[in-house]
Amino acid sequence: METTISSPGTVVIIIQTLTFILYIAILIGGIYLVRSIKSIKKRLDVLEKEK
């Protein structure tokens, strides 16, 4: 069996799949970024209170 990526249908499916994966990756990355920023802010607040 040989797979050909010459047909436009499979190209569209591949692009949609890649876009979907990229979207999920950005979404998860954004959530982690927000969580890490919040935890860093909490740590800074604790440090400020200790002074």
C-alpha atoms as a PDB file:
ATOM      1  CA  MET A   1       0.000   0.000   0.000  1.00  0.00           C
ATOM      2  CA  GLU A   2       1.346   3.372  -1.001  1.00  0.00           C
ATOM      3  CA  THR A   3      -0.033   6.574   0.461  1.00  0.00           C
ATOM      4  CA  THR A   4      -0.228   9.598  -1.809  1.00  0.00           C
ATOM      5  CA  ILE A   5      -0.559  13.095  -0.370  1.00  0.00           C
ATOM      6  CA  SER A   6      -1.179  14.497  -3.865  1.00  0.00           C
ATOM      7  CA  SER A   7      -4.978  14.462  -3.547  1.00  0.00           C
ATOM      8  CA  PRO A   8      -6.346  17.723  -2.117  1.00  0.00           C
ATOM      9  CA  GLY A   9      -8.679  15.939   0.326  1.00  0.00           C
ATOM     10  CA  THR A  10      -5.923  14.360   2.408  1.00  0.00           C
ATOM     11  CA  VAL A  11      -3.937  17.624   2.422  1.00  0.00           C
ATOM     12  CA  VAL A  12      -6.952  19.441   3.878  1.00  0.00           C
ATOM     13  CA  ILE A  13      -7.412  16.724   6.511  1.00  0.00           C
ATOM     14  CA  ILE A  14      -3.702  16.880   7.450  1.00  0.00           C
ATOM     15  CA  ILE A  15      -3.818  20.688   7.713  1.00  0.00           C
ATOM     16  CA  GLN A  16      -7.003  20.553   9.821  1.00  0.00           C
ATOM     17  CA  THR A  17      -5.451  17.935  12.119  1.00  0.00           C
ATOM     18  CA  LEU A  18      -2.257  19.982  12.541  1.00  0.00           C
ATOM     19  CA  THR A  19      -4.268  23.152  13.199  1.00  0.00           C
ATOM     20  CA  PHE A  20      -6.392  21.294  15.775  1.00  0.00           C
ATOM     21  CA  ILE A  21      -3.301  19.915  17.558  1.00  0.00           C
ATOM     22  CA  LEU A  22      -1.696  23.372  17.495  1.00  0.00           C
ATOM     23  CA  TYR A  23      -4.864  24.948  18.930  1.00  0.00           C
ATOM     24  CA  ILE A  24      -4.973  22.427  21.790  1.00  0.00           C
ATOM     25  CA  ALA A  25      -1.245  22.949  22.461  1.00  0.00           C
ATOM     26  CA  ILE A  26      -1.734  26.738  22.656  1.00  0.00           C
ATOM     27  CA  LEU A  27      -4.765  26.279  24.903  1.00  0.00           C
ATOM     28  CA  ILE A  28      -2.915  23.966  27.323  1.00  0.00           C
ATOM     29  CA  GLY A  29       0.172  26.193  27.194  1.00  0.00           C
ATOM     30  CA  GLY A  30      -1.933  29.251  28.028  1.00  0.00           C
ATOM     31  CA  ILE A  31      -3.548  27.523  31.018  1.00  0.00           C
ATOM     32  CA  TYR A  32      -0.136  26.448  32.361  1.00  0.00           C
ATOM     33  CA  LEU A  33       1.233  29.960  31.789  1.00  0.00           C
ATOM     34  CA  VAL A  34      -1.638  31.560  33.746  1.00  0.00           C
ATOM     35  CA  ARG A  35      -1.244  29.039  36.580  1.00  0.00           C
ATOM     36  CA  SER A  36       2.519  29.564  36.788  1.00  0.00           C
ATOM     37  CA  ILE A  37       2.103  33.367  36.781  1.00  0.00           C
ATOM     38  CA  LYS A  38      -0.444  33.098  39.611  1.00  0.00           C
ATOM     39  CA  SER A  39       1.854  30.874  41.679  1.00  0.00           C
ATOM     40  CA  ILE A  40       4.792  33.241  41.074  1.00  0.00           C
ATOM     41  CA  LYS A  41       2.649  36.193  42.222  1.00  0.00           C
ATOM     42  CA  LYS A  42       1.683  34.269  45.379  1.00  0.00           C
ATOM     43  CA  ARG A  43       5.351  33.564  46.118  1.00  0.00           C
ATOM     44  CA  LEU A  44       6.231  37.230  45.607  1.00  0.00           C
ATOM     45  CA  ASP A  45       3.406  38.289  47.950  1.00  0.00           C
ATOM     46  CA  VAL A  46       4.696  35.877  50.614  1.00  0.00           C
ATOM     47  CA  LEU A  47       8.216  37.267  50.211  1.00  0.00           C
ATOM     48  CA  GLU A  48       6.919  40.827  50.518  1.00  0.00           C
ATOM     49  CA  LYS A  49       5.017  39.967  53.728  1.00  0.00           C
ATOM     50  CA  GLU A  50       8.097  38.336  55.280  1.00  0.00           C
ATOM     51  CA  LYS A  51      10.141  41.545  54.889  1.00  0.00           C
END
